[in-house]
Each structure stands twice: as structure tokens, then as C-alpha cells.
Amino acid sequence: MTSVACLDPSGVVLRELSELSPRAATPRITELVREALAGEKPERIAVDVGPGGFTAVRTGMALGKSLAWAWGLELAALSAFDLVSRTGPVAIPAKKGSWWLRAPGLPPVLVTDPGDATGYGLPSGLGCYPFAREASSLLDTLVWGDPAGVLPDYLAEPTISTPKPGKYPPAAPPR
């Protein structure tokens, strides 16, 4: 899900654009932000820090941080769990056949059966995605500050781009 929302300071959603864009989220997020802002500079920016797909989270964070730095704005982190639901259990896909499950007030755990949790990528085929408009109910919980302090919520170390031992020669010593 690629989702962007513009809110007024009280949390009223002024504009929202969301679409399923499998394998095209990276180019679409920039276009959706441009359309949603409609030439206006925001007062602050909040960004979904995951958990979620590695590339999707990194792309959204890179865009949010870049805009915040370029415009000298504060940035806040939004949890994908909270964007789905703050009141019930939420399941977000992890590796194939497993989900990160978070019940309110508890840390996420890795499970192979998400049960009756709300979320997406569920065995039932039903889904509730982390829509940006849901930030309207989270404004009072956000911590605003320097974009450098906003980091992705990796619940497990990324396993991509890890060289296999012995496959590559050792790096040259520093000069």
C-alpha cells in the first residue's frame, strides 16, 4: 500500500491519496506526495517506520527524511502497527508463512498463525493496510524532532545483501 495524507494541525484529513502499487511503490510515493501537497510546504512530516517490506519502509523514510531536512522541518515516526489499529491485535507479514503480531501494550512477537488479528497478508485474504489518514488519531502520541533521530523499526535484522562467507575477497586495507 502506498499512502499519503495531509492533515491540519488538529488532525483533520485535508487530502489523502492511497493505492495498491505492488512492485511500483518507489516511483508512486514521490508522485503521490507531490499530488497531495499540491505545491504547499507542510509544517511537519510524519513517516511510517515499519515494520513492513524492507524497500517500502526505506523508500518512505528516505523521502520523508529528505523533505524534512530540505525544508528544515521536524519529523515524527509512525508505527505501521498503530496505523492499522491501536485497539486490537495487528499482524504484519514477516518472512513467508510468518507474521509480526502485536497486541496492544505488548511488544511484537513472531508467529506462524496470526489468529483473528487485523492486518494484511493474512491467510484469510482479508486485509487492513497502514493508511496514512490514520495518523489523524495519533497526533497526540507523536514525538517530533530532528529527522536524524527517526529510524526504521526493524524487528529482525534484514537478511538481504549479506555476502556469503568466502565468496568475495577481503576488502582492501584502508590507506
Protein backbone atom coordinates (compact mmCIF):
# COMPACT_ATOMS: atom_id res chain seq x y z
CA MET A 1 0.00 0.00 0.00
CA THR A 2 1.28 3.43 -0.93
CA SER A 3 -0.47 6.07 1.16
CA VAL A 4 -0.05 9.82 1.74
CA ALA A 5 -2.22 12.20 3.76
CA CYS A 6 -2.14 15.92 4.53
CA LEU A 7 -3.64 16.84 7.91
CA ASP A 8 -4.35 20.16 9.52
CA PRO A 9 -2.82 20.79 12.99
CA SER A 10 -5.93 19.40 14.70
CA GLY A 11 -5.75 16.14 12.72
CA VAL A 12 -8.46 16.76 10.15
CA VAL A 13 -7.56 14.97 6.90
CA LEU A 14 -7.34 17.63 4.18
CA ARG A 15 -6.15 15.36 1.37
CA GLU A 16 -5.44 11.66 1.12
CA LEU A 17 -4.11 9.54 -1.71
CA SER A 18 -3.67 5.77 -1.32
CA GLU A 19 -3.26 2.96 -3.81
CA LEU A 20 -2.09 -0.59 -4.07
CA SER A 21 1.06 -0.37 -6.13
CA PRO A 22 2.82 -3.72 -5.97
CA ARG A 23 6.35 -3.52 -7.33
CA ALA A 24 5.85 0.19 -8.10
CA ALA A 25 5.71 1.82 -4.64
CA THR A 26 9.05 3.60 -5.04
CA PRO A 27 8.09 5.75 -8.04
CA ARG A 28 4.48 6.16 -6.91
CA ILE A 29 5.22 7.51 -3.43
CA THR A 30 7.02 10.54 -4.87
CA GLU A 31 4.14 11.23 -7.25
CA LEU A 32 1.53 10.83 -4.51
CA VAL A 33 3.41 13.19 -2.18
CA ARG A 34 3.66 15.79 -4.94
CA GLU A 35 -0.07 15.46 -5.68
CA ALA A 36 -1.10 15.56 -2.01
CA LEU A 37 1.00 18.62 -1.19
CA ALA A 38 -0.33 20.46 -4.25
CA GLY A 39 2.61 22.88 -4.20
CA GLU A 40 2.28 23.67 -0.49
CA LYS A 41 5.05 23.20 2.09
CA PRO A 42 3.91 21.22 5.14
CA GLU A 43 4.51 22.38 8.71
CA ARG A 44 5.78 18.95 9.84
CA ILE A 45 6.18 15.46 8.40
CA ALA A 46 5.41 12.05 9.90
CA VAL A 47 6.60 8.85 8.26
CA ASP A 48 5.72 5.15 8.59
CA VAL A 49 8.85 3.48 10.03
CA GLY A 50 7.50 -0.06 9.72
CA PRO A 51 7.63 -2.83 10.28
CA GLY A 52 6.97 -3.69 6.69
CA GLY A 53 8.71 -4.53 3.46
CA PHE A 54 12.39 -3.55 3.57
CA THR A 55 12.37 -1.49 0.37
CA ALA A 56 8.99 0.11 1.05
CA VAL A 57 9.97 1.24 4.55
CA ARG A 58 13.37 2.52 3.40
CA THR A 59 11.87 4.39 0.43
CA GLY A 60 9.19 6.11 2.52
CA MET A 61 11.68 7.00 5.23
CA ALA A 62 14.25 8.33 2.76
CA LEU A 63 11.63 10.54 1.14
CA GLY A 64 10.22 11.78 4.46
CA LYS A 65 13.67 12.49 5.91
CA SER A 66 14.88 14.19 2.73
CA LEU A 67 11.88 16.50 2.62
CA ALA A 68 12.15 17.30 6.34
CA TRP A 69 15.87 18.14 6.02
CA ALA A 70 15.41 20.15 2.83
CA TRP A 71 12.59 22.22 4.33
CA GLY A 72 14.02 22.41 7.86
CA LEU A 73 11.00 20.61 9.36
CA GLU A 74 10.52 18.31 12.31
CA LEU A 75 9.88 14.63 11.62
CA ALA A 76 7.95 12.02 13.63
CA ALA A 77 7.87 8.23 13.40
CA LEU A 78 4.59 6.37 12.88
CA SER A 79 4.36 2.66 13.63
CA ALA A 80 2.72 0.55 10.93
CA PHE A 81 1.03 -1.35 13.76
CA ASP A 82 -0.60 1.86 15.03
CA LEU A 83 -1.63 2.89 11.51
CA VAL A 84 -3.57 -0.39 11.24
CA SER A 85 -5.09 -0.40 14.76
CA ARG A 86 -4.26 0.86 18.23
CA THR A 87 -7.02 -1.10 19.94
CA GLY A 88 -6.68 -4.72 18.81
CA PRO A 89 -4.08 -7.27 17.77
CA VAL A 90 -2.31 -6.42 14.49
CA ALA A 91 -0.42 -8.81 12.21
CA ILE A 92 2.10 -7.60 9.63
CA PRO A 93 3.86 -10.01 7.27
CA ALA A 94 7.38 -11.08 8.16
CA LYS A 95 9.05 -13.91 6.26
CA LYS A 96 6.94 -16.28 4.20
CA GLY A 97 4.45 -18.03 6.43
CA SER A 98 5.02 -15.81 9.47
CA TRP A 99 3.79 -12.50 10.84
CA TRP A 100 4.78 -9.96 13.44
CA LEU A 101 1.88 -9.91 15.87
CA ARG A 102 1.41 -7.03 18.29
CA ALA A 103 -1.30 -6.92 20.90
CA PRO A 104 -1.98 -3.52 22.50
CA GLY A 105 0.54 -2.76 25.24
CA LEU A 106 2.78 -5.70 24.37
CA PRO A 107 5.92 -5.97 22.22
CA PRO A 108 5.57 -7.67 18.82
CA VAL A 109 6.24 -11.41 18.56
CA LEU A 110 6.91 -13.57 15.51
CA VAL A 111 4.09 -16.07 14.91
CA THR A 112 3.09 -18.60 12.26
CA ASP A 113 -0.64 -18.16 12.95
CA PRO A 114 -1.93 -14.59 13.19
CA GLY A 115 -5.26 -15.81 14.59
CA ASP A 116 -8.01 -13.21 14.33
CA ALA A 117 -5.65 -10.22 14.20
CA THR A 118 -6.27 -7.28 11.91
CA GLY A 119 -3.59 -6.62 9.32
CA TYR A 120 -2.60 -7.54 5.80
CA GLY A 121 -1.05 -10.51 4.02
CA LEU A 122 -3.25 -12.72 6.18
CA PRO A 123 -4.21 -16.32 5.31
CA SER A 124 -7.88 -15.25 5.18
CA GLY A 125 -7.10 -12.95 2.25
CA LEU A 126 -8.73 -10.08 4.13
CA GLY A 127 -6.57 -7.06 4.73
CA CYS A 128 -6.34 -3.78 6.54
CA TYR A 129 -3.35 -1.73 5.44
CA PRO A 130 -1.49 1.05 7.27
CA PHE A 131 -3.24 4.06 5.72
CA ALA A 132 -1.66 7.50 6.22
CA ARG A 133 -5.03 9.03 7.17
CA GLU A 134 -4.92 7.04 10.42
CA ALA A 135 -2.17 9.41 11.60
CA SER A 136 -5.03 11.80 12.42
CA SER A 137 -5.80 9.75 15.55
CA LEU A 138 -2.13 9.50 16.54
CA LEU A 139 -1.04 13.17 16.52
CA ASP A 140 -1.12 13.45 20.31
CA THR A 141 1.23 10.45 20.65
CA LEU A 142 3.90 11.55 18.16
CA VAL A 143 7.35 12.73 19.18
CA TRP A 144 8.54 15.46 16.82
CA GLY A 145 12.20 16.24 16.30
CA ASP A 146 15.34 16.05 14.20
CA PRO A 147 14.94 13.74 11.16
CA ALA A 148 18.25 12.04 12.06
CA GLY A 149 16.59 10.51 15.12
CA VAL A 150 13.87 8.73 13.13
CA LEU A 151 14.96 5.15 12.40
CA PRO A 152 13.27 2.15 10.77
CA ASP A 153 11.51 -0.31 13.06
CA TYR A 154 13.30 -3.48 12.04
CA LEU A 155 12.04 -6.25 14.25
CA ALA A 156 14.62 -8.59 12.75
CA GLU A 157 17.90 -7.87 11.03
CA PRO A 158 17.46 -7.56 7.25
CA THR A 159 18.78 -10.67 5.52
CA ILE A 160 19.24 -9.20 2.08
CA SER A 161 22.54 -8.12 0.59
CA THR A 162 24.60 -10.18 3.02
CA PRO A 163 27.66 -11.60 1.24
CA LYS A 164 28.21 -15.30 1.61
CA PRO A 165 31.36 -16.15 3.61
CA GLY A 166 34.35 -16.79 1.37
CA LYS A 167 32.58 -15.72 -1.83
CA TYR A 168 34.29 -12.33 -2.07
CA PRO A 169 37.92 -11.44 -1.44
CA PRO A 170 38.65 -9.46 1.72
CA ALA A 171 38.33 -5.70 1.44
CA ALA A 172 41.50 -3.74 0.79
CA PRO A 173 43.05 -2.26 3.93
CA PRO A 174 42.37 1.45 4.47
CA ARG A 175 45.03 3.84 3.17
